[in-house]
Amino acid sequence: MPTDADRLLWLHLQKNKLGLPFRRQYIIADNIVDFVCLPARLVIEIDGGYHDDIRQQYHDLARTNEIEKLKL
């Protein structure tokens, strides 16, 4: 379920309002990212409070590294 932050950002990203096409909840390998702009090779993740946990931070870092290796 999208958070308030997700919904607010999507209002600005949808319908090419920034001049680039963004997609929401996009599958990349084994991950679902919050937002992606494929032409710009840009992934945006909106992290909630549970990302303050050190174990979650390690998981997030591994996930980021996995996505970056793909070189969309």
C-alpha atoms as a PDB file:
ATOM      1  CA  MET A   1       0.000   0.000   0.000  1.00  0.00           C
ATOM      2  CA  PRO A   2       1.480   3.385  -0.944  1.00  0.00           C
ATOM      3  CA  THR A   3       2.409   5.813   1.796  1.00  0.00           C
ATOM      4  CA  ASP A   4       1.486   9.487   1.851  1.00  0.00           C
ATOM      5  CA  ALA A   5       5.014  10.257   0.627  1.00  0.00           C
ATOM      6  CA  ASP A   6       4.613   7.809  -2.287  1.00  0.00           C
ATOM      7  CA  ARG A   7       1.307   9.348  -3.311  1.00  0.00           C
ATOM      8  CA  LEU A   8       2.673  12.900  -3.105  1.00  0.00           C
ATOM      9  CA  LEU A   9       5.762  12.127  -5.182  1.00  0.00           C
ATOM     10  CA  TRP A  10       3.665  10.257  -7.761  1.00  0.00           C
ATOM     11  CA  LEU A  11       1.533  13.377  -8.251  1.00  0.00           C
ATOM     12  CA  HIS A  12       4.688  15.120  -9.502  1.00  0.00           C
ATOM     13  CA  LEU A  13       6.139  12.225 -11.515  1.00  0.00           C
ATOM     14  CA  GLN A  14       3.096  10.897 -13.373  1.00  0.00           C
ATOM     15  CA  LYS A  15       2.055  11.860 -16.889  1.00  0.00           C
ATOM     16  CA  ASN A  16       5.554  13.077 -17.836  1.00  0.00           C
ATOM     17  CA  LYS A  17       5.142  16.240 -15.750  1.00  0.00           C
ATOM     18  CA  LEU A  18       8.926  16.444 -15.436  1.00  0.00           C
ATOM     19  CA  GLY A  19       9.470  15.746 -19.121  1.00  0.00           C
ATOM     20  CA  LEU A  20      10.424  12.110 -18.546  1.00  0.00           C
ATOM     21  CA  PRO A  21       8.260   8.996 -18.200  1.00  0.00           C
ATOM     22  CA  PHE A  22       8.198   7.447 -14.732  1.00  0.00           C
ATOM     23  CA  ARG A  23       6.689   4.120 -13.733  1.00  0.00           C
ATOM     24  CA  ARG A  24       5.461   3.158 -10.302  1.00  0.00           C
ATOM     25  CA  GLN A  25       6.047  -0.169  -8.513  1.00  0.00           C
ATOM     26  CA  TYR A  26       8.319  -1.464 -11.259  1.00  0.00           C
ATOM     27  CA  ILE A  27       9.942  -4.918 -11.153  1.00  0.00           C
ATOM     28  CA  ILE A  28      13.710  -4.977 -11.575  1.00  0.00           C
ATOM     29  CA  ALA A  29      15.213  -8.466 -11.256  1.00  0.00           C
ATOM     30  CA  ASP A  30      13.843  -9.782  -7.932  1.00  0.00           C
ATOM     31  CA  ASN A  31      12.958  -6.331  -6.619  1.00  0.00           C
ATOM     32  CA  ILE A  32       9.997  -4.009  -6.860  1.00  0.00           C
ATOM     33  CA  VAL A  33      11.146  -0.409  -6.817  1.00  0.00           C
ATOM     34  CA  ASP A  34       8.899   2.506  -5.885  1.00  0.00           C
ATOM     35  CA  PHE A  35       9.555   4.575  -9.010  1.00  0.00           C
ATOM     36  CA  VAL A  36      11.746   4.231 -12.089  1.00  0.00           C
ATOM     37  CA  CYS A  37      12.585   6.378 -15.089  1.00  0.00           C
ATOM     38  CA  LEU A  38      14.111   3.969 -17.588  1.00  0.00           C
ATOM     39  CA  PRO A  39      15.427   6.567 -20.091  1.00  0.00           C
ATOM     40  CA  ALA A  40      17.303   8.331 -17.276  1.00  0.00           C
ATOM     41  CA  ARG A  41      18.333   5.047 -15.619  1.00  0.00           C
ATOM     42  CA  LEU A  42      16.967   6.449 -12.350  1.00  0.00           C
ATOM     43  CA  VAL A  43      15.377   4.514  -9.486  1.00  0.00           C
ATOM     44  CA  ILE A  44      13.666   6.334  -6.617  1.00  0.00           C
ATOM     45  CA  GLU A  45      12.846   4.599  -3.348  1.00  0.00           C
ATOM     46  CA  ILE A  46      10.790   6.194  -0.581  1.00  0.00           C
ATOM     47  CA  ASP A  47      11.932   4.689   2.721  1.00  0.00           C
ATOM     48  CA  GLY A  48       9.793   4.651   5.857  1.00  0.00           C
ATOM     49  CA  GLY A  49      10.885   4.472   9.470  1.00  0.00           C
ATOM     50  CA  TYR A  50      11.587   0.746   9.452  1.00  0.00           C
ATOM     51  CA  HIS A  51      14.635   1.486   7.287  1.00  0.00           C
ATOM     52  CA  ASP A  52      16.285   2.919  10.439  1.00  0.00           C
ATOM     53  CA  ASP A  53      16.872  -0.651  11.632  1.00  0.00           C
ATOM     54  CA  ILE A  54      20.494  -1.705  10.993  1.00  0.00           C
ATOM     55  CA  ARG A  55      19.474  -5.093   9.550  1.00  0.00           C
ATOM     56  CA  GLN A  56      17.134  -3.368   7.116  1.00  0.00           C
ATOM     57  CA  GLN A  57      19.916  -0.960   6.145  1.00  0.00           C
ATOM     58  CA  TYR A  58      22.180  -3.899   5.230  1.00  0.00           C
ATOM     59  CA  HIS A  59      19.361  -5.417   3.189  1.00  0.00           C
ATOM     60  CA  ASP A  60      18.754  -2.055   1.463  1.00  0.00           C
ATOM     61  CA  LEU A  61      22.442  -1.691   0.635  1.00  0.00           C
ATOM     62  CA  ALA A  62      22.598  -5.185  -0.862  1.00  0.00           C
ATOM     63  CA  ARG A  63      19.456  -4.450  -2.891  1.00  0.00           C
ATOM     64  CA  THR A  64      20.899  -1.151  -4.132  1.00  0.00           C
ATOM     65  CA  ASN A  65      24.125  -2.874  -5.169  1.00  0.00           C
ATOM     66  CA  GLU A  66      22.164  -5.575  -7.012  1.00  0.00           C
ATOM     67  CA  ILE A  67      20.130  -3.008  -8.943  1.00  0.00           C
ATOM     68  CA  GLU A  68      23.194  -0.881  -9.758  1.00  0.00           C
ATOM     69  CA  LYS A  69      25.017  -3.920 -11.184  1.00  0.00           C
ATOM     70  CA  LEU A  70      22.230  -4.375 -13.730  1.00  0.00           C
ATOM     71  CA  LYS A  71      23.098  -1.045 -15.389  1.00  0.00           C
ATOM     72  CA  LEU A  72      19.568  -0.521 -16.582  1.00  0.00           C
END
